């Protein structure tokens, strides 16, 4: 699968790394929006892009004053749907990615949401992406928003692209620190996913 006219938001996590391998975007973009693990994520995103020989750029989108949850100050917001919830995060990131796409003459921005993300927060769901795509396309520039892996779990995505240990080794997943804390949804998910996926590489 190729998405030659697409910008991919590359966080350096398992999902975005596998999606980069799947769609081979025209450009990968890391966004520093004030998240606590941004240094680790930036290193991982650069390494993944280099590993896959994909063009890479990084931008800053200072959202710290609007943030919350484990990725902001390690304190979930009141009434948050999940501990890591950052209000409107994917909407902000998709908008920034679309602006980058427009500057480069590209037609879409891709986000690496997978099946089940919408169970934790609406901006990881298929209906969110369908409606955001429509809003973006009605504006000048007509840049679309896509989530090509929204129908797959992380394990299914890794299997579909045949992700190997070298690619996985570059990725990071922790929500609250630049070193794995082992005690956040990102670290828990990574452990579960790799426990299921890695043995299949040895068969």
C-alpha atoms as a PDB file:
ATOM      1  CA  UNK A   1       0.000   0.000   0.000  1.00  0.00           C
ATOM      2  CA  UNK A   2       1.318   3.455  -0.866  1.00  0.00           C
ATOM      3  CA  UNK A   3       0.120   6.885   0.189  1.00  0.00           C
ATOM      4  CA  UNK A   4       2.402   9.060  -1.885  1.00  0.00           C
ATOM      5  CA  UNK A   5       0.355  12.200  -1.311  1.00  0.00           C
ATOM      6  CA  UNK A   6       0.136  11.784   2.438  1.00  0.00           C
ATOM      7  CA  UNK A   7       1.765  13.231   5.543  1.00  0.00           C
ATOM      8  CA  UNK A   8       1.948  10.740   8.412  1.00  0.00           C
ATOM      9  CA  UNK A   9       2.012  11.931  12.000  1.00  0.00           C
ATOM     10  CA  UNK A  10       4.835   9.811  13.404  1.00  0.00           C
ATOM     11  CA  UNK A  11       4.976   9.623  17.196  1.00  0.00           C
ATOM     12  CA  UNK A  12       7.569   6.872  17.376  1.00  0.00           C
ATOM     13  CA  UNK A  13       5.105   4.394  18.847  1.00  0.00           C
ATOM     14  CA  UNK A  14       4.266   0.907  17.612  1.00  0.00           C
ATOM     15  CA  UNK A  15       1.140   1.992  15.744  1.00  0.00           C
ATOM     16  CA  UNK A  16       2.629   4.918  13.843  1.00  0.00           C
ATOM     17  CA  UNK A  17       5.826   3.003  13.043  1.00  0.00           C
ATOM     18  CA  UNK A  18       3.857   0.098  11.587  1.00  0.00           C
ATOM     19  CA  UNK A  19       1.580   2.475   9.695  1.00  0.00           C
ATOM     20  CA  UNK A  20       4.628   4.202   8.211  1.00  0.00           C
ATOM     21  CA  UNK A  21       5.749   0.810   6.943  1.00  0.00           C
ATOM     22  CA  UNK A  22       2.274   0.092   5.581  1.00  0.00           C
ATOM     23  CA  UNK A  23       1.524   3.288   3.647  1.00  0.00           C
ATOM     24  CA  UNK A  24       5.013   4.640   2.836  1.00  0.00           C
ATOM     25  CA  UNK A  25       3.924   8.298   3.169  1.00  0.00           C
ATOM     26  CA  UNK A  26       5.469  11.142   1.215  1.00  0.00           C
ATOM     27  CA  UNK A  27       6.491  12.791   4.503  1.00  0.00           C
ATOM     28  CA  UNK A  28       6.576  11.859   8.185  1.00  0.00           C
ATOM     29  CA  UNK A  29       6.083  14.557  10.816  1.00  0.00           C
ATOM     30  CA  UNK A  30       6.826  14.498  14.527  1.00  0.00           C
ATOM     31  CA  UNK A  31       4.880  17.022  16.570  1.00  0.00           C
ATOM     32  CA  UNK A  32       6.234  18.352  19.859  1.00  0.00           C
ATOM     33  CA  UNK A  33       3.020  19.624  21.442  1.00  0.00           C
ATOM     34  CA  UNK A  34       4.335  19.784  24.995  1.00  0.00           C
ATOM     35  CA  UNK A  35       3.893  16.102  25.913  1.00  0.00           C
ATOM     36  CA  UNK A  36       6.147  14.898  28.722  1.00  0.00           C
ATOM     37  CA  UNK A  37       7.823  12.058  26.740  1.00  0.00           C
ATOM     38  CA  UNK A  38       8.547  14.287  23.726  1.00  0.00           C
ATOM     39  CA  UNK A  39      12.323  13.726  23.827  1.00  0.00           C
ATOM     40  CA  UNK A  40      11.972   9.951  23.672  1.00  0.00           C
ATOM     41  CA  UNK A  41       9.219  10.187  21.072  1.00  0.00           C
ATOM     42  CA  UNK A  42      11.274  12.536  18.907  1.00  0.00           C
ATOM     43  CA  UNK A  43      14.300  10.228  18.973  1.00  0.00           C
ATOM     44  CA  UNK A  44      12.113   7.229  18.170  1.00  0.00           C
ATOM     45  CA  UNK A  45      10.272   8.969  15.332  1.00  0.00           C
ATOM     46  CA  UNK A  46      13.533  10.087  13.723  1.00  0.00           C
ATOM     47  CA  UNK A  47      14.972   6.589  14.057  1.00  0.00           C
ATOM     48  CA  UNK A  48      11.872   4.929  12.592  1.00  0.00           C
ATOM     49  CA  UNK A  49      11.829   7.321   9.635  1.00  0.00           C
ATOM     50  CA  UNK A  50      15.532   6.701   9.001  1.00  0.00           C
ATOM     51  CA  UNK A  51      15.081   2.934   9.339  1.00  0.00           C
ATOM     52  CA  UNK A  52      12.328   3.022   6.716  1.00  0.00           C
ATOM     53  CA  UNK A  53      14.129   5.601   4.537  1.00  0.00           C
ATOM     54  CA  UNK A  54      11.214   8.020   4.756  1.00  0.00           C
ATOM     55  CA  UNK A  55      11.426  11.831   4.663  1.00  0.00           C
ATOM     56  CA  UNK A  56      11.097  13.337   8.126  1.00  0.00           C
ATOM     57  CA  UNK A  57      10.443  16.722   9.645  1.00  0.00           C
ATOM     58  CA  UNK A  58       9.544  17.963  13.116  1.00  0.00           C
ATOM     59  CA  UNK A  59       7.372  20.865  14.213  1.00  0.00           C
ATOM     60  CA  UNK A  60       6.411  22.479  17.500  1.00  0.00           C
ATOM     61  CA  UNK A  61       2.799  23.063  18.465  1.00  0.00           C
ATOM     62  CA  UNK A  62       2.849  24.487  21.999  1.00  0.00           C
ATOM     63  CA  UNK A  63      -0.307  23.118  23.597  1.00  0.00           C
ATOM     64  CA  UNK A  64       1.016  22.731  27.122  1.00  0.00           C
ATOM     65  CA  UNK A  65      -1.395  25.252  28.599  1.00  0.00           C
ATOM     66  CA  UNK A  66      -4.306  23.318  27.110  1.00  0.00           C
ATOM     67  CA  UNK A  67      -3.093  19.837  28.015  1.00  0.00           C
ATOM     68  CA  UNK A  68      -3.934  17.322  30.639  1.00  0.00           C
ATOM     69  CA  UNK A  69      -3.618  13.706  31.656  1.00  0.00           C
ATOM     70  CA  UNK A  70      -0.619  11.451  32.096  1.00  0.00           C
ATOM     71  CA  UNK A  71       1.226  12.909  29.111  1.00  0.00           C
ATOM     72  CA  UNK A  72       0.977  16.438  30.503  1.00  0.00           C
ATOM     73  CA  UNK A  73       1.448  16.544  34.251  1.00  0.00           C
ATOM     74  CA  UNK A  74       0.788  12.941  35.301  1.00  0.00           C
ATOM     75  CA  UNK A  75      -2.613  13.955  36.667  1.00  0.00           C
ATOM     76  CA  UNK A  76      -5.776  12.848  34.842  1.00  0.00           C
ATOM     77  CA  UNK A  77      -8.283  15.611  34.190  1.00  0.00           C
ATOM     78  CA  UNK A  78     -11.616  15.572  36.064  1.00  0.00           C
ATOM     79  CA  UNK A  79     -14.203  13.409  34.277  1.00  0.00           C
ATOM     80  CA  UNK A  80     -11.590  12.303  31.716  1.00  0.00           C
ATOM     81  CA  UNK A  81     -12.592   9.226  29.670  1.00  0.00           C
ATOM     82  CA  UNK A  82      -9.104   7.757  30.213  1.00  0.00           C
ATOM     83  CA  UNK A  83      -6.039   8.665  32.308  1.00  0.00           C
ATOM     84  CA  UNK A  84      -4.015   9.789  29.259  1.00  0.00           C
ATOM     85  CA  UNK A  85      -6.793  11.944  27.764  1.00  0.00           C
ATOM     86  CA  UNK A  86      -5.562  15.282  26.380  1.00  0.00           C
ATOM     87  CA  UNK A  87      -8.556  17.380  25.270  1.00  0.00           C
ATOM     88  CA  UNK A  88      -8.914  17.598  21.480  1.00  0.00           C
ATOM     89  CA  UNK A  89      -5.384  16.261  20.986  1.00  0.00           C
ATOM     90  CA  UNK A  90      -5.976  14.376  17.744  1.00  0.00           C
ATOM     91  CA  UNK A  91      -7.946  17.291  16.341  1.00  0.00           C
ATOM     92  CA  UNK A  92      -5.050  19.647  17.037  1.00  0.00           C
ATOM     93  CA  UNK A  93      -2.508  17.201  15.618  1.00  0.00           C
ATOM     94  CA  UNK A  94      -4.556  16.454  12.507  1.00  0.00           C
ATOM     95  CA  UNK A  95      -4.954  20.176  11.847  1.00  0.00           C
ATOM     96  CA  UNK A  96      -1.214  20.748  12.191  1.00  0.00           C
ATOM     97  CA  UNK A  97      -0.474  17.788   9.947  1.00  0.00           C
ATOM     98  CA  UNK A  98      -2.931  19.054   7.349  1.00  0.00           C
ATOM     99  CA  UNK A  99      -1.206  22.437   7.356  1.00  0.00           C
ATOM    100  CA  UNK A 100       2.136  20.701   6.762  1.00  0.00           C
ATOM    101  CA  UNK A 101       0.567  18.692   3.946  1.00  0.00           C
ATOM    102  CA  UNK A 102      -0.748  21.873   2.341  1.00  0.00           C
ATOM    103  CA  UNK A 103       2.688  23.482   2.415  1.00  0.00           C
ATOM    104  CA  UNK A 104       4.178  20.454   0.673  1.00  0.00           C
ATOM    105  CA  UNK A 105       1.456  20.106  -1.939  1.00  0.00           C
ATOM    106  CA  UNK A 106       0.145  16.873  -0.389  1.00  0.00           C
ATOM    107  CA  UNK A 107      -3.468  15.828  -0.151  1.00  0.00           C
ATOM    108  CA  UNK A 108      -3.999  14.066   3.176  1.00  0.00           C
ATOM    109  CA  UNK A 109      -2.759  13.658   6.726  1.00  0.00           C
ATOM    110  CA  UNK A 110      -2.740  10.175   8.270  1.00  0.00           C
ATOM    111  CA  UNK A 111      -3.047   9.363  11.977  1.00  0.00           C
ATOM    112  CA  UNK A 112      -2.203   5.983  13.469  1.00  0.00           C
ATOM    113  CA  UNK A 113      -5.339   5.258  15.450  1.00  0.00           C
ATOM    114  CA  UNK A 114      -6.183   1.549  15.662  1.00  0.00           C
ATOM    115  CA  UNK A 115      -9.271  -0.430  16.557  1.00  0.00           C
ATOM    116  CA  UNK A 116     -10.103   0.034  20.223  1.00  0.00           C
ATOM    117  CA  UNK A 117      -8.652   3.539  20.547  1.00  0.00           C
ATOM    118  CA  UNK A 118     -12.176   4.911  20.283  1.00  0.00           C
ATOM    119  CA  UNK A 119     -13.139   2.901  23.362  1.00  0.00           C
ATOM    120  CA  UNK A 120     -10.844   5.151  25.404  1.00  0.00           C
ATOM    121  CA  UNK A 121     -11.603   8.528  23.806  1.00  0.00           C
ATOM    122  CA  UNK A 122     -13.810   9.697  20.938  1.00  0.00           C
ATOM    123  CA  UNK A 123     -10.952  11.228  18.939  1.00  0.00           C
ATOM    124  CA  UNK A 124      -9.605   7.736  18.314  1.00  0.00           C
ATOM    125  CA  UNK A 125     -12.815   6.484  16.707  1.00  0.00           C
ATOM    126  CA  UNK A 126     -13.879   6.002  13.097  1.00  0.00           C
ATOM    127  CA  UNK A 127     -16.860   8.434  13.339  1.00  0.00           C
ATOM    128  CA  UNK A 128     -14.471  11.140  14.572  1.00  0.00           C
ATOM    129  CA  UNK A 129     -12.183  10.684  11.573  1.00  0.00           C
ATOM    130  CA  UNK A 130     -15.074  10.588   9.106  1.00  0.00           C
ATOM    131  CA  UNK A 131     -16.411  13.892  10.408  1.00  0.00           C
ATOM    132  CA  UNK A 132     -13.007  15.553  10.774  1.00  0.00           C
ATOM    133  CA  UNK A 133     -12.169  14.536   7.202  1.00  0.00           C
ATOM    134  CA  UNK A 134     -15.360  16.228   6.011  1.00  0.00           C
ATOM    135  CA  UNK A 135     -14.612  19.417   7.960  1.00  0.00           C
ATOM    136  CA  UNK A 136     -11.054  19.582   6.618  1.00  0.00           C
ATOM    137  CA  UNK A 137     -12.080  18.932   3.028  1.00  0.00           C
ATOM    138  CA  UNK A 138     -14.709  21.684   3.074  1.00  0.00           C
ATOM    139  CA  UNK A 139     -11.985  24.239   3.814  1.00  0.00           C
ATOM    140  CA  UNK A 140      -9.487  25.876   1.494  1.00  0.00           C
ATOM    141  CA  UNK A 141      -6.834  23.398   0.466  1.00  0.00           C
ATOM    142  CA  UNK A 142      -9.136  20.410   0.720  1.00  0.00           C
ATOM    143  CA  UNK A 143      -6.663  18.302   2.714  1.00  0.00           C
ATOM    144  CA  UNK A 144      -8.204  15.045   3.897  1.00  0.00           C
ATOM    145  CA  UNK A 145      -7.775  13.202   7.189  1.00  0.00           C
ATOM    146  CA  UNK A 146      -7.337   9.422   7.153  1.00  0.00           C
ATOM    147  CA  UNK A 147      -6.802   6.660   9.696  1.00  0.00           C
ATOM    148  CA  UNK A 148      -5.783   3.695   7.511  1.00  0.00           C
ATOM    149  CA  UNK A 149      -5.371   1.251  10.414  1.00  0.00           C
ATOM    150  CA  UNK A 150      -8.573   2.091  12.291  1.00  0.00           C
ATOM    151  CA  UNK A 151     -10.025  -1.354  11.444  1.00  0.00           C
ATOM    152  CA  UNK A 152      -6.995  -3.231  12.812  1.00  0.00           C
ATOM    153  CA  UNK A 153      -5.719  -3.949  16.308  1.00  0.00           C
ATOM    154  CA  UNK A 154      -2.067  -3.154  16.955  1.00  0.00           C
ATOM    155  CA  UNK A 155      -1.138  -6.836  16.746  1.00  0.00           C
ATOM    156  CA  UNK A 156      -3.027  -7.194  13.459  1.00  0.00           C
ATOM    157  CA  UNK A 157      -1.302  -4.106  12.096  1.00  0.00           C
ATOM    158  CA  UNK A 158       2.138  -5.423  13.036  1.00  0.00           C
ATOM    159  CA  UNK A 159       1.322  -8.750  11.419  1.00  0.00           C
ATOM    160  CA  UNK A 160      -0.018  -7.153   8.251  1.00  0.00           C
ATOM    161  CA  UNK A 161       3.167  -5.194   7.655  1.00  0.00           C
ATOM    162  CA  UNK A 162       5.507  -7.903   8.940  1.00  0.00           C
ATOM    163  CA  UNK A 163       7.187  -5.600  11.443  1.00  0.00           C
ATOM    164  CA  UNK A 164      10.496  -7.070  12.559  1.00  0.00           C
ATOM    165  CA  UNK A 165      12.403  -6.710  15.801  1.00  0.00           C
ATOM    166  CA  UNK A 166      14.661  -3.993  14.405  1.00  0.00           C
ATOM    167  CA  UNK A 167      11.717  -1.691  13.641  1.00  0.00           C
ATOM    168  CA  UNK A 168      10.018  -2.478  16.941  1.00  0.00           C
ATOM    169  CA  UNK A 169      13.258  -1.812  18.783  1.00  0.00           C
ATOM    170  CA  UNK A 170      13.242   1.840  17.756  1.00  0.00           C
ATOM    171  CA  UNK A 171       9.740   2.500  19.104  1.00  0.00           C
ATOM    172  CA  UNK A 172       8.629   3.952  22.432  1.00  0.00           C
ATOM    173  CA  UNK A 173       5.275   3.781  24.183  1.00  0.00           C
ATOM    174  CA  UNK A 174       5.411   5.387  27.640  1.00  0.00           C
ATOM    175  CA  UNK A 175       2.883   8.147  28.286  1.00  0.00           C
ATOM    176  CA  UNK A 176       4.482   9.757  31.311  1.00  0.00           C
ATOM    177  CA  UNK A 177       8.298   9.682  30.935  1.00  0.00           C
ATOM    178  CA  UNK A 178      11.233   9.540  28.537  1.00  0.00           C
ATOM    179  CA  UNK A 179      12.113   6.128  29.975  1.00  0.00           C
ATOM    180  CA  UNK A 180       9.512   3.344  30.241  1.00  0.00           C
ATOM    181  CA  UNK A 181       7.675   3.696  33.538  1.00  0.00           C
ATOM    182  CA  UNK A 182       5.996   0.301  33.246  1.00  0.00           C
ATOM    183  CA  UNK A 183       2.899   1.706  34.929  1.00  0.00           C
ATOM    184  CA  UNK A 184       0.855   3.619  32.346  1.00  0.00           C
ATOM    185  CA  UNK A 185      -1.607   2.606  29.608  1.00  0.00           C
ATOM    186  CA  UNK A 186       1.099   2.997  26.961  1.00  0.00           C
ATOM    187  CA  UNK A 187       3.521   0.664  28.738  1.00  0.00           C
ATOM    188  CA  UNK A 188       0.762  -1.842  29.578  1.00  0.00           C
ATOM    189  CA  UNK A 189      -0.427  -1.942  25.974  1.00  0.00           C
ATOM    190  CA  UNK A 190       3.111  -2.383  24.660  1.00  0.00           C
ATOM    191  CA  UNK A 191       3.738  -5.333  26.968  1.00  0.00           C
ATOM    192  CA  UNK A 192       0.485  -7.040  25.971  1.00  0.00           C
ATOM    193  CA  UNK A 193       1.011  -6.429  22.256  1.00  0.00           C
ATOM    194  CA  UNK A 194       4.609  -7.622  22.179  1.00  0.00           C
ATOM    195  CA  UNK A 195       3.839 -10.645  24.356  1.00  0.00           C
ATOM    196  CA  UNK A 196       1.354 -11.715  21.693  1.00  0.00           C
ATOM    197  CA  UNK A 197       3.282 -10.609  18.607  1.00  0.00           C
ATOM    198  CA  UNK A 198       6.972 -11.290  19.167  1.00  0.00           C
ATOM    199  CA  UNK A 199       6.721 -15.098  19.563  1.00  0.00           C
ATOM    200  CA  UNK A 200       5.246 -15.255  16.055  1.00  0.00           C
ATOM    201  CA  UNK A 201       8.547 -13.906  14.673  1.00  0.00           C
ATOM    202  CA  UNK A 202      10.366 -16.973  15.978  1.00  0.00           C
ATOM    203  CA  UNK A 203       8.055 -19.504  14.342  1.00  0.00           C
END
